[in-house]
Amino acid sequence: MARTGFCSVVPRSATGIALPGVGFVPLAGVPPVRLGCLYRADDVPWLVEAFLDHVSATSLEAG
């Protein structure tokens, strides 16, 4: 952040990605958040379906 001034909030799963020069600092004392996804119901691309399947399975595992 000192060099570029960029900061972002990412899901915990992103901390497993190794990116040169990028560090992950967990937030303490912050409750989980709900996320939403918007897409066209009459034209759902396969990638969106795969993503939604993954998110649903992951959220069920997390409780």
PDB file of N, CA and C in Angstrom:
ATOM      1  N   MET A   1       0.823  -1.190   0.000  1.00  0.00           N
ATOM      2  CA  MET A   1       0.000   0.000   0.000  1.00  0.00           C
ATOM      3  C   MET A   1       0.863   1.247   0.000  1.00  0.00           C
ATOM      4  N   ALA A   2       2.014   1.195   0.636  1.00  0.00           N
ATOM      5  CA  ALA A   2       2.857   2.381   0.694  1.00  0.00           C
ATOM      6  C   ALA A   2       3.331   2.805  -0.691  1.00  0.00           C
ATOM      7  N   ARG A   3       3.613   1.838  -1.557  1.00  0.00           N
ATOM      8  CA  ARG A   3       4.125   2.175  -2.880  1.00  0.00           C
ATOM      9  C   ARG A   3       3.016   2.595  -3.836  1.00  0.00           C
ATOM     10  N   THR A   4       1.921   1.868  -3.838  1.00  0.00           N
ATOM     11  CA  THR A   4       0.871   2.149  -4.817  1.00  0.00           C
ATOM     12  C   THR A   4      -0.339   2.857  -4.229  1.00  0.00           C
ATOM     13  N   GLY A   5      -0.507   2.792  -2.921  1.00  0.00           N
ATOM     14  CA  GLY A   5      -1.674   3.388  -2.298  1.00  0.00           C
ATOM     15  C   GLY A   5      -2.922   2.561  -2.486  1.00  0.00           C
ATOM     16  N   PHE A   6      -2.765   1.294  -2.849  1.00  0.00           N
ATOM     17  CA  PHE A   6      -3.908   0.431  -3.126  1.00  0.00           C
ATOM     18  C   PHE A   6      -4.165  -0.502  -1.960  1.00  0.00           C
ATOM     19  N   CYS A   7      -5.425  -0.618  -1.586  1.00  0.00           N
ATOM     20  CA  CYS A   7      -5.831  -1.512  -0.513  1.00  0.00           C
ATOM     21  C   CYS A   7      -7.159  -2.137  -0.912  1.00  0.00           C
ATOM     22  N   SER A   8      -7.365  -3.405  -0.567  1.00  0.00           N
ATOM     23  CA  SER A   8      -8.598  -4.085  -0.947  1.00  0.00           C
ATOM     24  C   SER A   8      -8.997  -5.083   0.120  1.00  0.00           C
ATOM     25  N   VAL A   9     -10.286  -5.295   0.263  1.00  0.00           N
ATOM     26  CA  VAL A   9     -10.802  -6.333   1.144  1.00  0.00           C
ATOM     27  C   VAL A   9     -11.117  -7.526   0.248  1.00  0.00           C
ATOM     28  N   VAL A  10     -10.553  -8.682   0.590  1.00  0.00           N
ATOM     29  CA  VAL A  10     -10.734  -9.894  -0.217  1.00  0.00           C
ATOM     30  C   VAL A  10     -11.187 -11.034   0.677  1.00  0.00           C
ATOM     31  N   PRO A  11     -11.778 -12.076   0.102  1.00  0.00           N
ATOM     32  CA  PRO A  11     -12.174 -13.232   0.913  1.00  0.00           C
ATOM     33  C   PRO A  11     -10.950 -13.988   1.423  1.00  0.00           C
ATOM     34  N   ARG A  12     -11.132 -14.715   2.510  1.00  0.00           N
ATOM     35  CA  ARG A  12     -10.054 -15.478   3.120  1.00  0.00           C
ATOM     36  C   ARG A  12      -9.389 -16.414   2.111  1.00  0.00           C
ATOM     37  N   SER A  13     -10.166 -16.958   1.176  1.00  0.00           N
ATOM     38  CA  SER A  13      -9.605 -17.882   0.193  1.00  0.00           C
ATOM     39  C   SER A  13      -8.534 -17.222  -0.679  1.00  0.00           C
ATOM     40  N   ALA A  14      -8.578 -15.908  -0.826  1.00  0.00           N
ATOM     41  CA  ALA A  14      -7.586 -15.206  -1.641  1.00  0.00           C
ATOM     42  C   ALA A  14      -6.206 -15.212  -0.998  1.00  0.00           C
ATOM     43  N   THR A  15      -6.130 -15.453   0.288  1.00  0.00           N
ATOM     44  CA  THR A  15      -4.818 -15.451   0.952  1.00  0.00           C
ATOM     45  C   THR A  15      -3.956 -16.631   0.518  1.00  0.00           C
ATOM     46  N   GLY A  16      -4.546 -17.617  -0.124  1.00  0.00           N
ATOM     47  CA  GLY A  16      -3.777 -18.758  -0.616  1.00  0.00           C
ATOM     48  C   GLY A  16      -3.118 -18.495  -1.956  1.00  0.00           C
ATOM     49  N   ILE A  17      -3.363 -17.348  -2.556  1.00  0.00           N
ATOM     50  CA  ILE A  17      -2.763 -17.005  -3.845  1.00  0.00           C
ATOM     51  C   ILE A  17      -1.450 -16.270  -3.591  1.00  0.00           C
ATOM     52  N   ALA A  18      -0.380 -16.781  -4.152  1.00  0.00           N
ATOM     53  CA  ALA A  18       0.929 -16.139  -3.980  1.00  0.00           C
ATOM     54  C   ALA A  18       1.138 -15.100  -5.073  1.00  0.00           C
ATOM     55  N   LEU A  19       1.167 -13.838  -4.685  1.00  0.00           N
ATOM     56  CA  LEU A  19       1.399 -12.751  -5.624  1.00  0.00           C
ATOM     57  C   LEU A  19       2.618 -11.959  -5.168  1.00  0.00           C
ATOM     58  N   PRO A  20       3.595 -11.767  -6.036  1.00  0.00           N
ATOM     59  CA  PRO A  20       4.804 -11.035  -5.660  1.00  0.00           C
ATOM     60  C   PRO A  20       4.467  -9.623  -5.180  1.00  0.00           C
ATOM     61  N   GLY A  21       4.968  -9.269  -4.035  1.00  0.00           N
ATOM     62  CA  GLY A  21       4.777  -7.924  -3.511  1.00  0.00           C
ATOM     63  C   GLY A  21       3.433  -7.667  -2.869  1.00  0.00           C
ATOM     64  N   VAL A  22       2.609  -8.712  -2.736  1.00  0.00           N
ATOM     65  CA  VAL A  22       1.286  -8.542  -2.142  1.00  0.00           C
ATOM     66  C   VAL A  22       1.245  -9.248  -0.799  1.00  0.00           C
ATOM     67  N   GLY A  23       0.783  -8.547   0.209  1.00  0.00           N
ATOM     68  CA  GLY A  23       0.649  -9.141   1.533  1.00  0.00           C
ATOM     69  C   GLY A  23      -0.806  -9.131   1.961  1.00  0.00           C
ATOM     70  N   PHE A  24      -1.166 -10.131   2.745  1.00  0.00           N
ATOM     71  CA  PHE A  24      -2.532 -10.228   3.256  1.00  0.00           C
ATOM     72  C   PHE A  24      -2.503 -10.037   4.766  1.00  0.00           C
ATOM     73  N   VAL A  25      -3.338  -9.144   5.259  1.00  0.00           N
ATOM     74  CA  VAL A  25      -3.436  -8.881   6.692  1.00  0.00           C
ATOM     75  C   VAL A  25      -4.885  -9.147   7.093  1.00  0.00           C
ATOM     76  N   PRO A  26      -5.117 -10.161   7.944  1.00  0.00           N
ATOM     77  CA  PRO A  26      -6.502 -10.464   8.328  1.00  0.00           C
ATOM     78  C   PRO A  26      -7.112  -9.351   9.182  1.00  0.00           C
ATOM     79  N   LEU A  27      -8.397  -9.116   8.987  1.00  0.00           N
ATOM     80  CA  LEU A  27      -9.124  -8.164   9.813  1.00  0.00           C
ATOM     81  C   LEU A  27      -9.573  -8.872  11.076  1.00  0.00           C
ATOM     82  N   ALA A  28      -9.386  -8.244  12.200  1.00  0.00           N
ATOM     83  CA  ALA A  28      -9.779  -8.837  13.477  1.00  0.00           C
ATOM     84  C   ALA A  28     -11.072  -8.200  13.970  1.00  0.00           C
ATOM     85  N   GLY A  29     -11.946  -9.032  14.529  1.00  0.00           N
ATOM     86  CA  GLY A  29     -13.169  -8.532  15.132  1.00  0.00           C
ATOM     87  C   GLY A  29     -14.227  -8.059  14.149  1.00  0.00           C
ATOM     88  N   VAL A  30     -14.149  -8.534  12.923  1.00  0.00           N
ATOM     89  CA  VAL A  30     -15.116  -8.120  11.908  1.00  0.00           C
ATOM     90  C   VAL A  30     -16.047  -9.297  11.621  1.00  0.00           C
ATOM     91  N   PRO A  31     -17.351  -9.101  11.713  1.00  0.00           N
ATOM     92  CA  PRO A  31     -18.276 -10.209  11.447  1.00  0.00           C
ATOM     93  C   PRO A  31     -18.293 -10.572   9.961  1.00  0.00           C
ATOM     94  N   PRO A  32     -18.701 -11.803   9.649  1.00  0.00           N
ATOM     95  CA  PRO A  32     -18.822 -12.196   8.236  1.00  0.00           C
ATOM     96  C   PRO A  32     -19.834 -11.309   7.513  1.00  0.00           C
ATOM     97  N   VAL A  33     -19.691 -11.200   6.220  1.00  0.00           N
ATOM     98  CA  VAL A  33     -20.614 -10.390   5.412  1.00  0.00           C
ATOM     99  C   VAL A  33     -21.344 -11.275   4.415  1.00  0.00           C
ATOM    100  N   ARG A  34     -22.480 -10.808   3.978  1.00  0.00           N
ATOM    101  CA  ARG A  34     -23.237 -11.498   2.931  1.00  0.00           C
ATOM    102  C   ARG A  34     -22.893 -10.858   1.591  1.00  0.00           C
ATOM    103  N   LEU A  35     -22.730 -11.692   0.589  1.00  0.00           N
ATOM    104  CA  LEU A  35     -22.439 -11.201  -0.753  1.00  0.00           C
ATOM    105  C   LEU A  35     -23.585 -11.570  -1.675  1.00  0.00           C
ATOM    106  N   GLY A  36     -23.766 -10.795  -2.696  1.00  0.00           N
ATOM    107  CA  GLY A  36     -24.795 -11.078  -3.679  1.00  0.00           C
ATOM    108  C   GLY A  36     -24.190 -11.212  -5.063  1.00  0.00           C
ATOM    109  N   CYS A  37     -24.953 -11.791  -5.963  1.00  0.00           N
ATOM    110  CA  CYS A  37     -24.511 -11.968  -7.341  1.00  0.00           C
ATOM    111  C   CYS A  37     -25.693 -11.684  -8.260  1.00  0.00           C
ATOM    112  N   LEU A  38     -25.506 -10.786  -9.202  1.00  0.00           N
ATOM    113  CA  LEU A  38     -26.551 -10.461 -10.160  1.00  0.00           C
ATOM    114  C   LEU A  38     -26.198 -11.051 -11.513  1.00  0.00           C
ATOM    115  N   TYR A  39     -27.186 -11.635 -12.156  1.00  0.00           N
ATOM    116  CA  TYR A  39     -26.983 -12.185 -13.496  1.00  0.00           C
ATOM    117  C   TYR A  39     -28.330 -12.263 -14.180  1.00  0.00           C
ATOM    118  N   ARG A  40     -28.310 -12.417 -15.490  1.00  0.00           N
ATOM    119  CA  ARG A  40     -29.549 -12.518 -16.261  1.00  0.00           C
ATOM    120  C   ARG A  40     -30.118 -13.914 -16.108  1.00  0.00           C
ATOM    121  N   ALA A  41     -31.323 -14.011 -15.628  1.00  0.00           N
ATOM    122  CA  ALA A  41     -31.957 -15.309 -15.399  1.00  0.00           C
ATOM    123  C   ALA A  41     -32.212 -16.059 -16.707  1.00  0.00           C
ATOM    124  N   ASP A  42     -32.402 -15.334 -17.790  1.00  0.00           N
ATOM    125  CA  ASP A  42     -32.680 -15.989 -19.068  1.00  0.00           C
ATOM    126  C   ASP A  42     -31.429 -16.320 -19.874  1.00  0.00           C
ATOM    127  N   ASP A  43     -30.249 -15.943 -19.364  1.00  0.00           N
ATOM    128  CA  ASP A  43     -29.004 -16.198 -20.093  1.00  0.00           C
ATOM    129  C   ASP A  43     -27.860 -16.340 -19.093  1.00  0.00           C
ATOM    130  N   VAL A  44     -27.788 -17.499 -18.440  1.00  0.00           N
ATOM    131  CA  VAL A  44     -26.771 -17.721 -17.415  1.00  0.00           C
ATOM    132  C   VAL A  44     -25.569 -18.430 -18.045  1.00  0.00           C
ATOM    133  N   PRO A  45     -24.423 -17.731 -18.166  1.00  0.00           N
ATOM    134  CA  PRO A  45     -23.236 -18.368 -18.739  1.00  0.00           C
ATOM    135  C   PRO A  45     -22.752 -19.521 -17.855  1.00  0.00           C
ATOM    136  N   TRP A  46     -22.081 -20.498 -18.463  1.00  0.00           N
ATOM    137  CA  TRP A  46     -21.604 -21.664 -17.716  1.00  0.00           C
ATOM    138  C   TRP A  46     -20.657 -21.250 -16.597  1.00  0.00           C
ATOM    139  N   LEU A  47     -19.890 -20.194 -16.817  1.00  0.00           N
ATOM    140  CA  LEU A  47     -18.940 -19.765 -15.784  1.00  0.00           C
ATOM    141  C   LEU A  47     -19.679 -19.225 -14.556  1.00  0.00           C
ATOM    142  N   VAL A  48     -20.764 -18.512 -14.772  1.00  0.00           N
ATOM    143  CA  VAL A  48     -21.573 -18.013 -13.654  1.00  0.00           C
ATOM    144  C   VAL A  48     -22.185 -19.186 -12.898  1.00  0.00           C
ATOM    145  N   GLU A  49     -22.715 -20.177 -13.627  1.00  0.00           N
ATOM    146  CA  GLU A  49     -23.280 -21.363 -12.971  1.00  0.00           C
ATOM    147  C   GLU A  49     -22.235 -22.087 -12.134  1.00  0.00           C
ATOM    148  N   ALA A  50     -21.032 -22.249 -12.686  1.00  0.00           N
ATOM    149  CA  ALA A  50     -19.953 -22.917 -11.954  1.00  0.00           C
ATOM    150  C   ALA A  50     -19.577 -22.119 -10.705  1.00  0.00           C
ATOM    151  N   PHE A  51     -19.507 -20.812 -10.838  1.00  0.00           N
ATOM    152  CA  PHE A  51     -19.181 -19.955  -9.700  1.00  0.00           C
ATOM    153  C   PHE A  51     -20.240 -20.067  -8.607  1.00  0.00           C
ATOM    154  N   LEU A  52     -21.503 -19.994  -8.997  1.00  0.00           N
ATOM    155  CA  LEU A  52     -22.581 -20.093  -8.014  1.00  0.00           C
ATOM    156  C   LEU A  52     -22.598 -21.461  -7.330  1.00  0.00           C
ATOM    157  N   ASP A  53     -22.329 -22.523  -8.087  1.00  0.00           N
ATOM    158  CA  ASP A  53     -22.237 -23.860  -7.492  1.00  0.00           C
ATOM    159  C   ASP A  53     -21.123 -23.910  -6.464  1.00  0.00           C
ATOM    160  N   HIS A  54     -19.977 -23.343  -6.805  1.00  0.00           N
ATOM    161  CA  HIS A  54     -18.829 -23.329  -5.897  1.00  0.00           C
ATOM    162  C   HIS A  54     -19.139 -22.523  -4.632  1.00  0.00           C
ATOM    163  N   VAL A  55     -19.697 -21.361  -4.813  1.00  0.00           N
ATOM    164  CA  VAL A  55     -20.032 -20.498  -3.660  1.00  0.00           C
ATOM    165  C   VAL A  55     -21.040 -21.202  -2.753  1.00  0.00           C
ATOM    166  N   SER A  56     -22.042 -21.813  -3.346  1.00  0.00           N
ATOM    167  CA  SER A  56     -23.050 -22.512  -2.549  1.00  0.00           C
ATOM    168  C   SER A  56     -22.430 -23.647  -1.755  1.00  0.00           C
ATOM    169  N   ALA A  57     -21.587 -24.437  -2.382  1.00  0.00           N
ATOM    170  CA  ALA A  57     -20.935 -25.566  -1.694  1.00  0.00           C
ATOM    171  C   ALA A  57     -20.014 -25.064  -0.589  1.00  0.00           C
ATOM    172  N   THR A  58     -19.264 -23.996  -0.877  1.00  0.00           N
ATOM    173  CA  THR A  58     -18.328 -23.461   0.116  1.00  0.00           C
ATOM    174  C   THR A  58     -19.071 -22.868   1.306  1.00  0.00           C
ATOM    175  N   SER A  59     -20.160 -22.143   1.053  1.00  0.00           N
ATOM    176  CA  SER A  59     -20.890 -21.523   2.160  1.00  0.00           C
ATOM    177  C   SER A  59     -21.574 -22.574   3.023  1.00  0.00           C
ATOM    178  N   LEU A  60     -22.000 -23.684   2.422  1.00  0.00           N
ATOM    179  CA  LEU A  60     -22.594 -24.761   3.215  1.00  0.00           C
ATOM    180  C   LEU A  60     -21.556 -25.425   4.108  1.00  0.00           C
ATOM    181  N   GLU A  61     -20.320 -25.561   3.585  1.00  0.00           N
ATOM    182  CA  GLU A  61     -19.238 -26.154   4.380  1.00  0.00           C
ATOM    183  C   GLU A  61     -18.886 -25.264   5.566  1.00  0.00           C
ATOM    184  N   ALA A  62     -18.930 -23.943   5.345  1.00  0.00           N
ATOM    185  CA  ALA A  62     -18.555 -22.997   6.400  1.00  0.00           C
ATOM    186  C   ALA A  62     -19.626 -22.890   7.471  1.00  0.00           C
ATOM    187  N   GLY A  63     -20.831 -23.299   7.137  1.00  0.00           N
ATOM    188  CA  GLY A  63     -21.913 -23.252   8.120  1.00  0.00           C
ATOM    189  C   GLY A  63     -22.743 -22.051   7.944  1.00  0.00           C
TER     190      GLY A  63
END
